[in-house]
């Protein structure tokens, strides 16, 4: 078999993982690999000189095995940790075991575990990782010089036309149980006057749980697009929207690519008070609406008013977003070179 020197790997390409694979493969000049780990894939992951797990969360056992094996072989491995918050959840032994596991892995030679939330936002992540950086989807529209604006698509033009003079608030991405759509539906049903000021758009691939919520949202006046969106469509919707829905269920508390794209494109995200992204927004001066999850009256006021109270905040510009990009590249490059 041919030995590839540098590999970036994900198990599946759903959601943000496919975007990670493309972005990181291009930036680091790595061969992109995805799929279940059969004999051929196992050989590739062991034999390559530098390996980047674009996500470790979807296959922790195999991640640990390959990290240990590669450490014994004197090879460097870097892994992105998407859900480190699980290491600190109370009540279940598996969360404590996860904390102990990653505390130990921090000392494994050749392995660099990197959280996609910086340590200055959540300092306890330093207990379970070597470094903290910004999620790639907080800077992936930046080409090293400026943020590249997405082109209009027929979908974004259609919803913008349907909204007329009303502001757009878009909920998009993978529409699963963690995305807070029940909270949004409850609010629209209790406060029908919202649709006079704001056009809600819910667009993305749904599952059995969320499909019933989509009907409620549609009945309450939302534009609903129940299908998998292309990257171009997703970005065009975010770019066309004044407000972006990122107020997710408290059980879904991690970095958010939808939030990150909103930051890059200058849309104002609606986020949950106390969430990780709310701490990042406060730390970076990002204009946002922060609401208590389930507080329908508070959310209704936001959707009717549509303006952040912190109007003096402008959020990160192209220069700061470029710094997030450079910091990510430097941290991962150092780990791949064994310099961390």
C-alpha atoms as a PDB file:
ATOM      1  CA  UNK A   1       0.000   0.000   0.000  1.00  0.00           C
ATOM      2  CA  UNK A   2       1.113   3.550  -0.706  1.00  0.00           C
ATOM      3  CA  UNK A   3       2.124   5.501   2.399  1.00  0.00           C
ATOM      4  CA  UNK A   4       0.615   8.988   2.601  1.00  0.00           C
ATOM      5  CA  UNK A   5       2.661  11.416   4.696  1.00  0.00           C
ATOM      6  CA  UNK A   6      -0.153  13.680   5.950  1.00  0.00           C
ATOM      7  CA  UNK A   7      -3.795  12.707   6.511  1.00  0.00           C
ATOM      8  CA  UNK A   8      -6.884  14.484   7.867  1.00  0.00           C
ATOM      9  CA  UNK A   9      -9.651  12.069   8.864  1.00  0.00           C
ATOM     10  CA  UNK A  10     -13.354  12.093   9.752  1.00  0.00           C
ATOM     11  CA  UNK A  11     -15.557   9.068  10.175  1.00  0.00           C
ATOM     12  CA  UNK A  12     -18.610  10.631   8.484  1.00  0.00           C
ATOM     13  CA  UNK A  13     -19.148  13.792   6.437  1.00  0.00           C
ATOM     14  CA  UNK A  14     -22.527  14.845   7.828  1.00  0.00           C
ATOM     15  CA  UNK A  15     -23.112  18.337   9.230  1.00  0.00           C
ATOM     16  CA  UNK A  16     -19.972  20.355   9.887  1.00  0.00           C
ATOM     17  CA  UNK A  17     -17.606  17.381   9.541  1.00  0.00           C
ATOM     18  CA  UNK A  18     -17.533  17.511   5.747  1.00  0.00           C
ATOM     19  CA  UNK A  19     -16.733  21.218   5.898  1.00  0.00           C
ATOM     20  CA  UNK A  20     -13.918  20.536   8.375  1.00  0.00           C
ATOM     21  CA  UNK A  21     -12.482  17.863   6.097  1.00  0.00           C
ATOM     22  CA  UNK A  22     -12.360  20.169   3.068  1.00  0.00           C
ATOM     23  CA  UNK A  23     -11.151  23.270   4.941  1.00  0.00           C
ATOM     24  CA  UNK A  24      -8.430  21.539   6.934  1.00  0.00           C
ATOM     25  CA  UNK A  25      -7.296  19.348   4.056  1.00  0.00           C
ATOM     26  CA  UNK A  26      -6.750  22.403   1.879  1.00  0.00           C
ATOM     27  CA  UNK A  27      -5.077  24.553   4.540  1.00  0.00           C
ATOM     28  CA  UNK A  28      -2.623  21.897   5.723  1.00  0.00           C
ATOM     29  CA  UNK A  29      -2.099  20.171   2.383  1.00  0.00           C
ATOM     30  CA  UNK A  30      -3.327  16.841   3.743  1.00  0.00           C
ATOM     31  CA  UNK A  31      -4.991  13.918   2.041  1.00  0.00           C
ATOM     32  CA  UNK A  32      -8.674  13.882   2.985  1.00  0.00           C
ATOM     33  CA  UNK A  33      -9.896  10.538   4.337  1.00  0.00           C
ATOM     34  CA  UNK A  34     -13.338   9.530   5.596  1.00  0.00           C
ATOM     35  CA  UNK A  35     -15.324   6.380   6.239  1.00  0.00           C
ATOM     36  CA  UNK A  36     -15.333   3.451   8.613  1.00  0.00           C
ATOM     37  CA  UNK A  37     -11.992   2.135   9.763  1.00  0.00           C
ATOM     38  CA  UNK A  38     -11.367  -1.063   7.835  1.00  0.00           C
ATOM     39  CA  UNK A  39      -7.950  -2.685   7.301  1.00  0.00           C
ATOM     40  CA  UNK A  40      -6.970  -0.256   4.531  1.00  0.00           C
ATOM     41  CA  UNK A  41      -8.025   2.828   6.527  1.00  0.00           C
ATOM     42  CA  UNK A  42      -6.312   1.541   9.686  1.00  0.00           C
ATOM     43  CA  UNK A  43      -3.054   1.119   7.775  1.00  0.00           C
ATOM     44  CA  UNK A  44      -3.339   4.668   6.398  1.00  0.00           C
ATOM     45  CA  UNK A  45      -3.975   6.161   9.850  1.00  0.00           C
ATOM     46  CA  UNK A  46      -1.064   4.271  11.392  1.00  0.00           C
ATOM     47  CA  UNK A  47       1.423   4.658   8.559  1.00  0.00           C
ATOM     48  CA  UNK A  48       1.106   8.376   7.830  1.00  0.00           C
ATOM     49  CA  UNK A  49       3.724  10.588   9.439  1.00  0.00           C
ATOM     50  CA  UNK A  50       1.219  13.272  10.545  1.00  0.00           C
ATOM     51  CA  UNK A  51      -2.456  12.648  11.354  1.00  0.00           C
ATOM     52  CA  UNK A  52      -5.208  15.155  12.082  1.00  0.00           C
ATOM     53  CA  UNK A  53      -8.486  13.852  13.505  1.00  0.00           C
ATOM     54  CA  UNK A  54     -10.859  16.617  12.360  1.00  0.00           C
ATOM     55  CA  UNK A  55     -13.206  15.389  15.087  1.00  0.00           C
ATOM     56  CA  UNK A  56     -12.442  12.855  17.799  1.00  0.00           C
ATOM     57  CA  UNK A  57     -15.905  12.816  19.367  1.00  0.00           C
ATOM     58  CA  UNK A  58     -17.604  10.487  16.894  1.00  0.00           C
ATOM     59  CA  UNK A  59     -15.129   7.626  17.448  1.00  0.00           C
ATOM     60  CA  UNK A  60     -13.408   8.029  20.817  1.00  0.00           C
ATOM     61  CA  UNK A  61     -12.339   4.390  21.200  1.00  0.00           C
ATOM     62  CA  UNK A  62     -10.611   4.224  17.820  1.00  0.00           C
ATOM     63  CA  UNK A  63      -9.149   7.700  18.397  1.00  0.00           C
ATOM     64  CA  UNK A  64      -7.582   6.496  21.659  1.00  0.00           C
ATOM     65  CA  UNK A  65      -6.282   3.299  20.040  1.00  0.00           C
ATOM     66  CA  UNK A  66      -4.614   5.088  17.115  1.00  0.00           C
ATOM     67  CA  UNK A  67      -3.233   7.838  19.345  1.00  0.00           C
ATOM     68  CA  UNK A  68      -1.599   5.265  21.635  1.00  0.00           C
ATOM     69  CA  UNK A  69      -0.273   3.205  18.736  1.00  0.00           C
ATOM     70  CA  UNK A  70       1.112   6.233  16.917  1.00  0.00           C
ATOM     71  CA  UNK A  71       2.714   7.491  20.133  1.00  0.00           C
ATOM     72  CA  UNK A  72       4.541   4.175  20.481  1.00  0.00           C
ATOM     73  CA  UNK A  73       5.685   4.554  16.855  1.00  0.00           C
ATOM     74  CA  UNK A  74       6.979   8.067  17.561  1.00  0.00           C
ATOM     75  CA  UNK A  75       4.440   9.741  15.248  1.00  0.00           C
ATOM     76  CA  UNK A  76       2.503  12.967  15.842  1.00  0.00           C
ATOM     77  CA  UNK A  77      -1.285  13.182  16.062  1.00  0.00           C
ATOM     78  CA  UNK A  78      -3.569  16.197  16.475  1.00  0.00           C
ATOM     79  CA  UNK A  79      -7.275  15.870  17.301  1.00  0.00           C
ATOM     80  CA  UNK A  80     -10.064  18.438  17.504  1.00  0.00           C
ATOM     81  CA  UNK A  81     -12.291  18.031  20.568  1.00  0.00           C
ATOM     82  CA  UNK A  82     -15.783  19.336  19.777  1.00  0.00           C
ATOM     83  CA  UNK A  83     -17.593  18.441  22.994  1.00  0.00           C
ATOM     84  CA  UNK A  84     -15.170  18.819  25.903  1.00  0.00           C
ATOM     85  CA  UNK A  85     -18.048  20.094  28.043  1.00  0.00           C
ATOM     86  CA  UNK A  86     -19.134  16.482  28.492  1.00  0.00           C
ATOM     87  CA  UNK A  87     -16.058  15.910  30.644  1.00  0.00           C
ATOM     88  CA  UNK A  88     -17.529  18.248  33.259  1.00  0.00           C
ATOM     89  CA  UNK A  89     -21.179  17.190  33.320  1.00  0.00           C
ATOM     90  CA  UNK A  90     -22.403  15.961  36.724  1.00  0.00           C
ATOM     91  CA  UNK A  91     -24.404  12.920  37.626  1.00  0.00           C
ATOM     92  CA  UNK A  92     -23.009  10.092  35.492  1.00  0.00           C
ATOM     93  CA  UNK A  93     -19.880   8.030  35.933  1.00  0.00           C
ATOM     94  CA  UNK A  94     -19.179   8.077  32.180  1.00  0.00           C
ATOM     95  CA  UNK A  95     -18.565  11.842  32.292  1.00  0.00           C
ATOM     96  CA  UNK A  96     -16.098  11.452  35.153  1.00  0.00           C
ATOM     97  CA  UNK A  97     -14.374   8.651  33.243  1.00  0.00           C
ATOM     98  CA  UNK A  98     -14.156  10.877  30.178  1.00  0.00           C
ATOM     99  CA  UNK A  99     -12.535  13.618  32.270  1.00  0.00           C
ATOM    100  CA  UNK A 100      -9.992  11.126  33.660  1.00  0.00           C
ATOM    101  CA  UNK A 101      -9.269   9.752  30.181  1.00  0.00           C
ATOM    102  CA  UNK A 102      -8.522  13.128  28.641  1.00  0.00           C
ATOM    103  CA  UNK A 103      -6.558  14.277  31.683  1.00  0.00           C
ATOM    104  CA  UNK A 104      -4.289  11.293  31.049  1.00  0.00           C
ATOM    105  CA  UNK A 105      -4.147  11.765  27.267  1.00  0.00           C
ATOM    106  CA  UNK A 106      -2.803  15.298  27.743  1.00  0.00           C
ATOM    107  CA  UNK A 107       0.496  13.667  28.757  1.00  0.00           C
ATOM    108  CA  UNK A 108       0.695  11.178  25.875  1.00  0.00           C
ATOM    109  CA  UNK A 109       3.839  11.893  23.780  1.00  0.00           C
ATOM    110  CA  UNK A 110       3.047  12.944  20.228  1.00  0.00           C
ATOM    111  CA  UNK A 111      -0.645  13.701  20.867  1.00  0.00           C
ATOM    112  CA  UNK A 112      -2.131  17.204  20.844  1.00  0.00           C
ATOM    113  CA  UNK A 113      -5.826  17.509  21.742  1.00  0.00           C
ATOM    114  CA  UNK A 114      -7.304  20.878  20.754  1.00  0.00           C
ATOM    115  CA  UNK A 115     -10.698  22.232  21.832  1.00  0.00           C
ATOM    116  CA  UNK A 116     -12.626  24.427  19.392  1.00  0.00           C
ATOM    117  CA  UNK A 117     -13.348  26.933  22.146  1.00  0.00           C
ATOM    118  CA  UNK A 118     -10.387  28.996  23.410  1.00  0.00           C
ATOM    119  CA  UNK A 119      -9.258  28.548  27.008  1.00  0.00           C
ATOM    120  CA  UNK A 120      -9.812  32.251  27.742  1.00  0.00           C
ATOM    121  CA  UNK A 121     -13.533  31.603  27.130  1.00  0.00           C
ATOM    122  CA  UNK A 122     -13.763  28.336  29.130  1.00  0.00           C
ATOM    123  CA  UNK A 123     -10.584  27.989  31.185  1.00  0.00           C
ATOM    124  CA  UNK A 124     -11.379  24.529  32.596  1.00  0.00           C
ATOM    125  CA  UNK A 125     -10.927  23.019  29.134  1.00  0.00           C
ATOM    126  CA  UNK A 126      -7.194  23.296  29.832  1.00  0.00           C
ATOM    127  CA  UNK A 127      -7.700  20.307  32.157  1.00  0.00           C
ATOM    128  CA  UNK A 128      -8.548  17.996  29.229  1.00  0.00           C
ATOM    129  CA  UNK A 129      -6.746  19.478  26.217  1.00  0.00           C
ATOM    130  CA  UNK A 130      -3.388  20.912  25.197  1.00  0.00           C
ATOM    131  CA  UNK A 131      -4.741  24.037  23.485  1.00  0.00           C
ATOM    132  CA  UNK A 132      -7.945  25.905  22.710  1.00  0.00           C
ATOM    133  CA  UNK A 133      -8.664  27.649  19.412  1.00  0.00           C
ATOM    134  CA  UNK A 134     -11.661  29.067  17.550  1.00  0.00           C
ATOM    135  CA  UNK A 135     -13.912  26.636  15.710  1.00  0.00           C
ATOM    136  CA  UNK A 136     -12.895  26.487  12.004  1.00  0.00           C
ATOM    137  CA  UNK A 137     -16.423  27.586  11.139  1.00  0.00           C
ATOM    138  CA  UNK A 138     -15.738  30.888  12.947  1.00  0.00           C
ATOM    139  CA  UNK A 139     -13.100  31.800  10.353  1.00  0.00           C
ATOM    140  CA  UNK A 140     -13.420  29.471   7.349  1.00  0.00           C
ATOM    141  CA  UNK A 141     -14.818  32.180   5.036  1.00  0.00           C
ATOM    142  CA  UNK A 142     -11.579  34.120   5.507  1.00  0.00           C
ATOM    143  CA  UNK A 143      -8.970  33.542   2.803  1.00  0.00           C
ATOM    144  CA  UNK A 144      -6.058  34.994   4.761  1.00  0.00           C
ATOM    145  CA  UNK A 145      -6.792  38.537   3.595  1.00  0.00           C
ATOM    146  CA  UNK A 146     -10.531  39.142   3.972  1.00  0.00           C
ATOM    147  CA  UNK A 147     -13.869  37.419   4.535  1.00  0.00           C
ATOM    148  CA  UNK A 148     -15.328  36.163   1.248  1.00  0.00           C
ATOM    149  CA  UNK A 149     -18.985  37.123   0.942  1.00  0.00           C
ATOM    150  CA  UNK A 150     -21.319  34.357  -0.305  1.00  0.00           C
ATOM    151  CA  UNK A 151     -23.173  34.743  -3.588  1.00  0.00           C
ATOM    152  CA  UNK A 152     -26.943  35.040  -3.654  1.00  0.00           C
ATOM    153  CA  UNK A 153     -28.778  31.820  -4.448  1.00  0.00           C
ATOM    154  CA  UNK A 154     -32.308  31.289  -5.711  1.00  0.00           C
ATOM    155  CA  UNK A 155     -33.255  30.203  -2.172  1.00  0.00           C
ATOM    156  CA  UNK A 156     -31.942  33.348  -0.466  1.00  0.00           C
ATOM    157  CA  UNK A 157     -33.489  35.553  -3.171  1.00  0.00           C
ATOM    158  CA  UNK A 158     -36.835  33.766  -2.724  1.00  0.00           C
ATOM    159  CA  UNK A 159     -37.032  34.163   1.058  1.00  0.00           C
ATOM    160  CA  UNK A 160     -35.791  37.750   0.881  1.00  0.00           C
ATOM    161  CA  UNK A 161     -38.582  38.488  -1.613  1.00  0.00           C
ATOM    162  CA  UNK A 162     -41.206  36.780   0.563  1.00  0.00           C
ATOM    163  CA  UNK A 163     -40.067  38.756   3.615  1.00  0.00           C
ATOM    164  CA  UNK A 164     -40.557  42.069   1.855  1.00  0.00           C
ATOM    165  CA  UNK A 165     -39.628  44.874   4.227  1.00  0.00           C
ATOM    166  CA  UNK A 166     -39.652  42.639   7.294  1.00  0.00           C
ATOM    167  CA  UNK A 167     -36.339  41.542   8.804  1.00  0.00           C
ATOM    168  CA  UNK A 168     -35.268  37.953   8.299  1.00  0.00           C
ATOM    169  CA  UNK A 169     -34.500  35.600  11.173  1.00  0.00           C
ATOM    170  CA  UNK A 170     -33.157  32.288   9.921  1.00  0.00           C
ATOM    171  CA  UNK A 171     -32.737  28.954  11.674  1.00  0.00           C
ATOM    172  CA  UNK A 172     -30.663  26.680   9.480  1.00  0.00           C
ATOM    173  CA  UNK A 173     -28.286  23.744   9.439  1.00  0.00           C
ATOM    174  CA  UNK A 174     -29.149  20.266  10.665  1.00  0.00           C
ATOM    175  CA  UNK A 175     -32.535  20.670  12.379  1.00  0.00           C
ATOM    176  CA  UNK A 176     -32.225  18.175  15.219  1.00  0.00           C
ATOM    177  CA  UNK A 177     -33.655  18.045  18.737  1.00  0.00           C
ATOM    178  CA  UNK A 178     -30.911  20.222  20.187  1.00  0.00           C
ATOM    179  CA  UNK A 179     -31.583  23.267  18.008  1.00  0.00           C
ATOM    180  CA  UNK A 180     -34.253  24.819  20.235  1.00  0.00           C
ATOM    181  CA  UNK A 181     -37.035  24.812  17.627  1.00  0.00           C
ATOM    182  CA  UNK A 182     -39.682  23.969  20.223  1.00  0.00           C
ATOM    183  CA  UNK A 183     -38.814  27.177  22.098  1.00  0.00           C
ATOM    184  CA  UNK A 184     -39.096  29.123  18.835  1.00  0.00           C
ATOM    185  CA  UNK A 185     -42.421  27.482  17.943  1.00  0.00           C
ATOM    186  CA  UNK A 186     -43.881  28.151  21.412  1.00  0.00           C
ATOM    187  CA  UNK A 187     -42.939  31.823  21.112  1.00  0.00           C
ATOM    188  CA  UNK A 188     -44.443  32.282  17.636  1.00  0.00           C
ATOM    189  CA  UNK A 189     -47.689  30.605  18.714  1.00  0.00           C
ATOM    190  CA  UNK A 190     -48.013  32.728  21.853  1.00  0.00           C
ATOM    191  CA  UNK A 191     -47.097  36.011  20.135  1.00  0.00           C
ATOM    192  CA  UNK A 192     -48.536  36.004  16.595  1.00  0.00           C
ATOM    193  CA  UNK A 193     -47.686  39.709  16.224  1.00  0.00           C
ATOM    194  CA  UNK A 194     -44.046  38.688  15.668  1.00  0.00           C
ATOM    195  CA  UNK A 195     -44.778  37.857  12.031  1.00  0.00           C
ATOM    196  CA  UNK A 196     -45.733  41.483  11.393  1.00  0.00           C
ATOM    197  CA  UNK A 197     -42.141  42.524  12.111  1.00  0.00           C
ATOM    198  CA  UNK A 198     -39.914  39.506  11.461  1.00  0.00           C
ATOM    199  CA  UNK A 199     -40.086  36.742   8.888  1.00  0.00           C
ATOM    200  CA  UNK A 200     -38.878  33.483  10.397  1.00  0.00           C
ATOM    201  CA  UNK A 201     -37.147  31.063   8.019  1.00  0.00           C
ATOM    202  CA  UNK A 202     -36.414  27.482   9.074  1.00  0.00           C
ATOM    203  CA  UNK A 203     -34.334  25.673   6.483  1.00  0.00           C
ATOM    204  CA  UNK A 204     -32.390  22.415   6.639  1.00  0.00           C
ATOM    205  CA  UNK A 205     -32.689  18.680   6.934  1.00  0.00           C
ATOM    206  CA  UNK A 206     -35.103  17.555   9.646  1.00  0.00           C
ATOM    207  CA  UNK A 207     -35.687  14.239  11.390  1.00  0.00           C
ATOM    208  CA  UNK A 208     -38.808  12.581  12.780  1.00  0.00           C
ATOM    209  CA  UNK A 209     -38.612  14.573  16.024  1.00  0.00           C
ATOM    210  CA  UNK A 210     -38.324  17.978  14.399  1.00  0.00           C
ATOM    211  CA  UNK A 211     -40.717  17.406  11.491  1.00  0.00           C
ATOM    212  CA  UNK A 212     -43.738  17.914  13.750  1.00  0.00           C
ATOM    213  CA  UNK A 213     -42.145  21.131  14.983  1.00  0.00           C
ATOM    214  CA  UNK A 214     -41.708  22.288  11.395  1.00  0.00           C
ATOM    215  CA  UNK A 215     -45.466  22.025  10.877  1.00  0.00           C
ATOM    216  CA  UNK A 216     -46.081  24.131  13.974  1.00  0.00           C
ATOM    217  CA  UNK A 217     -43.592  26.700  12.738  1.00  0.00           C
ATOM    218  CA  UNK A 218     -45.158  26.755   9.290  1.00  0.00           C
ATOM    219  CA  UNK A 219     -48.649  27.156  10.760  1.00  0.00           C
ATOM    220  CA  UNK A 220     -47.326  30.096  12.795  1.00  0.00           C
ATOM    221  CA  UNK A 221     -46.167  31.880   9.639  1.00  0.00           C
ATOM    222  CA  UNK A 222     -42.605  30.658   9.150  1.00  0.00           C
ATOM    223  CA  UNK A 223     -41.101  29.818   5.790  1.00  0.00           C
ATOM    224  CA  UNK A 224     -40.051  26.186   6.093  1.00  0.00           C
ATOM    225  CA  UNK A 225     -37.608  24.423   3.767  1.00  0.00           C
ATOM    226  CA  UNK A 226     -37.301  20.783   4.810  1.00  0.00           C
ATOM    227  CA  UNK A 227     -34.341  19.469   2.832  1.00  0.00           C
ATOM    228  CA  UNK A 228     -30.579  19.258   2.906  1.00  0.00           C
ATOM    229  CA  UNK A 229     -29.110  22.591   1.857  1.00  0.00           C
ATOM    230  CA  UNK A 230     -25.995  23.062  -0.207  1.00  0.00           C
ATOM    231  CA  UNK A 231     -23.166  25.017   1.417  1.00  0.00           C
ATOM    232  CA  UNK A 232     -23.880  27.881  -0.984  1.00  0.00           C
ATOM    233  CA  UNK A 233     -27.555  27.971   0.017  1.00  0.00           C
ATOM    234  CA  UNK A 234     -26.792  27.852   3.728  1.00  0.00           C
ATOM    235  CA  UNK A 235     -24.261  30.671   3.542  1.00  0.00           C
ATOM    236  CA  UNK A 236     -26.476  32.790   1.299  1.00  0.00           C
ATOM    237  CA  UNK A 237     -29.341  32.509   3.800  1.00  0.00           C
ATOM    238  CA  UNK A 238     -27.117  33.578   6.685  1.00  0.00           C
ATOM    239  CA  UNK A 239     -25.708  36.460   4.653  1.00  0.00           C
ATOM    240  CA  UNK A 240     -29.215  37.641   3.745  1.00  0.00           C
ATOM    241  CA  UNK A 241     -30.551  37.513   7.315  1.00  0.00           C
ATOM    242  CA  UNK A 242     -30.448  40.245   9.924  1.00  0.00           C
ATOM    243  CA  UNK A 243     -30.930  37.687  12.715  1.00  0.00           C
ATOM    244  CA  UNK A 244     -29.673  34.099  13.050  1.00  0.00           C
ATOM    245  CA  UNK A 245     -31.203  31.519  15.391  1.00  0.00           C
ATOM    246  CA  UNK A 246     -28.538  29.910  17.585  1.00  0.00           C
ATOM    247  CA  UNK A 247     -30.502  29.652  20.845  1.00  0.00           C
ATOM    248  CA  UNK A 248     -30.073  25.943  21.367  1.00  0.00           C
ATOM    249  CA  UNK A 249     -31.288  23.536  24.021  1.00  0.00           C
ATOM    250  CA  UNK A 250     -29.128  23.676  27.203  1.00  0.00           C
ATOM    251  CA  UNK A 251     -28.170  20.044  26.585  1.00  0.00           C
ATOM    252  CA  UNK A 252     -26.566  21.170  23.301  1.00  0.00           C
ATOM    253  CA  UNK A 253     -23.806  23.409  24.631  1.00  0.00           C
ATOM    254  CA  UNK A 254     -20.787  23.632  22.374  1.00  0.00           C
ATOM    255  CA  UNK A 255     -19.236  25.750  19.654  1.00  0.00           C
ATOM    256  CA  UNK A 256     -21.724  26.431  16.855  1.00  0.00           C
ATOM    257  CA  UNK A 257     -20.885  26.695  13.175  1.00  0.00           C
ATOM    258  CA  UNK A 258     -24.112  28.593  12.489  1.00  0.00           C
ATOM    259  CA  UNK A 259     -23.149  31.125  15.157  1.00  0.00           C
ATOM    260  CA  UNK A 260     -19.660  31.331  13.645  1.00  0.00           C
ATOM    261  CA  UNK A 261     -20.931  31.966  10.129  1.00  0.00           C
ATOM    262  CA  UNK A 262     -23.265  34.670  11.481  1.00  0.00           C
ATOM    263  CA  UNK A 263     -20.278  36.360  13.150  1.00  0.00           C
ATOM    264  CA  UNK A 264     -18.269  36.239   9.926  1.00  0.00           C
ATOM    265  CA  UNK A 265     -21.105  37.633   7.801  1.00  0.00           C
ATOM    266  CA  UNK A 266     -22.256  40.322  10.216  1.00  0.00           C
ATOM    267  CA  UNK A 267     -25.661  38.831  11.097  1.00  0.00           C
ATOM    268  CA  UNK A 268     -26.788  39.102  14.725  1.00  0.00           C
ATOM    269  CA  UNK A 269     -27.156  35.716  16.465  1.00  0.00           C
ATOM    270  CA  UNK A 270     -29.878  34.962  19.012  1.00  0.00           C
ATOM    271  CA  UNK A 271     -28.207  32.807  21.667  1.00  0.00           C
ATOM    272  CA  UNK A 272     -28.986  31.251  25.038  1.00  0.00           C
ATOM    273  CA  UNK A 273     -27.920  33.036  28.209  1.00  0.00           C
ATOM    274  CA  UNK A 274     -25.063  31.135  29.831  1.00  0.00           C
ATOM    275  CA  UNK A 275     -24.173  29.104  26.754  1.00  0.00           C
ATOM    276  CA  UNK A 276     -20.565  28.698  25.653  1.00  0.00           C
ATOM    277  CA  UNK A 277     -21.244  30.880  22.617  1.00  0.00           C
ATOM    278  CA  UNK A 278     -22.665  33.606  24.889  1.00  0.00           C
ATOM    279  CA  UNK A 279     -19.382  33.652  26.801  1.00  0.00           C
ATOM    280  CA  UNK A 280     -17.492  33.898  23.518  1.00  0.00           C
ATOM    281  CA  UNK A 281     -19.765  36.740  22.382  1.00  0.00           C
ATOM    282  CA  UNK A 282     -19.103  38.652  25.594  1.00  0.00           C
ATOM    283  CA  UNK A 283     -15.351  37.990  25.422  1.00  0.00           C
ATOM    284  CA  UNK A 284     -15.067  39.128  21.780  1.00  0.00           C
ATOM    285  CA  UNK A 285     -17.587  41.984  21.834  1.00  0.00           C
ATOM    286  CA  UNK A 286     -19.897  40.247  19.355  1.00  0.00           C
ATOM    287  CA  UNK A 287     -23.352  41.902  19.035  1.00  0.00           C
ATOM    288  CA  UNK A 288     -25.973  39.339  19.993  1.00  0.00           C
ATOM    289  CA  UNK A 289     -29.306  38.778  21.671  1.00  0.00           C
ATOM    290  CA  UNK A 290     -28.952  36.622  24.765  1.00  0.00           C
ATOM    291  CA  UNK A 291     -32.228  35.180  26.047  1.00  0.00           C
ATOM    292  CA  UNK A 292     -33.198  32.751  28.792  1.00  0.00           C
ATOM    293  CA  UNK A 293     -34.102  29.433  27.256  1.00  0.00           C
ATOM    294  CA  UNK A 294     -37.878  28.999  27.404  1.00  0.00           C
ATOM    295  CA  UNK A 295     -38.597  32.684  28.169  1.00  0.00           C
ATOM    296  CA  UNK A 296     -41.072  33.218  25.346  1.00  0.00           C
ATOM    297  CA  UNK A 297     -41.959  36.801  26.233  1.00  0.00           C
ATOM    298  CA  UNK A 298     -38.301  37.835  26.259  1.00  0.00           C
ATOM    299  CA  UNK A 299     -37.722  36.149  22.886  1.00  0.00           C
ATOM    300  CA  UNK A 300     -40.847  37.775  21.449  1.00  0.00           C
ATOM    301  CA  UNK A 301     -39.499  41.199  22.418  1.00  0.00           C
ATOM    302  CA  UNK A 302     -36.262  40.399  20.603  1.00  0.00           C
ATOM    303  CA  UNK A 303     -38.026  39.247  17.440  1.00  0.00           C
ATOM    304  CA  UNK A 304     -40.277  42.302  17.435  1.00  0.00           C
ATOM    305  CA  UNK A 305     -37.546  44.870  18.193  1.00  0.00           C
ATOM    306  CA  UNK A 306     -34.776  43.210  16.179  1.00  0.00           C
ATOM    307  CA  UNK A 307     -31.956  45.422  17.440  1.00  0.00           C
ATOM    308  CA  UNK A 308     -29.228  44.520  19.936  1.00  0.00           C
ATOM    309  CA  UNK A 309     -29.155  46.668  23.061  1.00  0.00           C
ATOM    310  CA  UNK A 310     -25.360  46.853  22.752  1.00  0.00           C
ATOM    311  CA  UNK A 311     -25.401  48.935  19.580  1.00  0.00           C
ATOM    312  CA  UNK A 312     -21.873  50.180  20.278  1.00  0.00           C
ATOM    313  CA  UNK A 313     -20.451  46.687  19.700  1.00  0.00           C
ATOM    314  CA  UNK A 314     -19.361  45.973  16.160  1.00  0.00           C
ATOM    315  CA  UNK A 315     -17.953  42.505  16.640  1.00  0.00           C
ATOM    316  CA  UNK A 316     -14.767  41.067  15.153  1.00  0.00           C
ATOM    317  CA  UNK A 317     -13.744  42.427  11.779  1.00  0.00           C
ATOM    318  CA  UNK A 318     -11.720  40.767   9.050  1.00  0.00           C
ATOM    319  CA  UNK A 319      -8.458  41.456  10.896  1.00  0.00           C
ATOM    320  CA  UNK A 320      -9.527  39.695  14.105  1.00  0.00           C
ATOM    321  CA  UNK A 321     -11.132  36.809  12.214  1.00  0.00           C
ATOM    322  CA  UNK A 322      -7.881  36.466  10.305  1.00  0.00           C
ATOM    323  CA  UNK A 323      -6.055  36.262  13.634  1.00  0.00           C
ATOM    324  CA  UNK A 324      -8.348  33.432  14.736  1.00  0.00           C
ATOM    325  CA  UNK A 325      -7.450  31.642  11.498  1.00  0.00           C
ATOM    326  CA  UNK A 326      -3.705  32.172  11.939  1.00  0.00           C
ATOM    327  CA  UNK A 327      -3.818  31.064  15.577  1.00  0.00           C
ATOM    328  CA  UNK A 328      -5.609  27.841  14.605  1.00  0.00           C
ATOM    329  CA  UNK A 329      -3.066  27.112  11.879  1.00  0.00           C
ATOM    330  CA  UNK A 330      -0.134  27.795  14.202  1.00  0.00           C
ATOM    331  CA  UNK A 331      -1.469  25.570  16.994  1.00  0.00           C
ATOM    332  CA  UNK A 332      -2.302  22.631  14.722  1.00  0.00           C
ATOM    333  CA  UNK A 333       0.943  22.978  12.756  1.00  0.00           C
ATOM    334  CA  UNK A 334       2.948  22.934  15.988  1.00  0.00           C
ATOM    335  CA  UNK A 335       1.139  19.791  17.113  1.00  0.00           C
ATOM    336  CA  UNK A 336       1.738  18.039  13.799  1.00  0.00           C
ATOM    337  CA  UNK A 337       5.414  18.963  14.030  1.00  0.00           C
ATOM    338  CA  UNK A 338       5.650  17.741  17.626  1.00  0.00           C
ATOM    339  CA  UNK A 339       6.440  21.178  19.022  1.00  0.00           C
ATOM    340  CA  UNK A 340       3.672  21.395  21.661  1.00  0.00           C
END
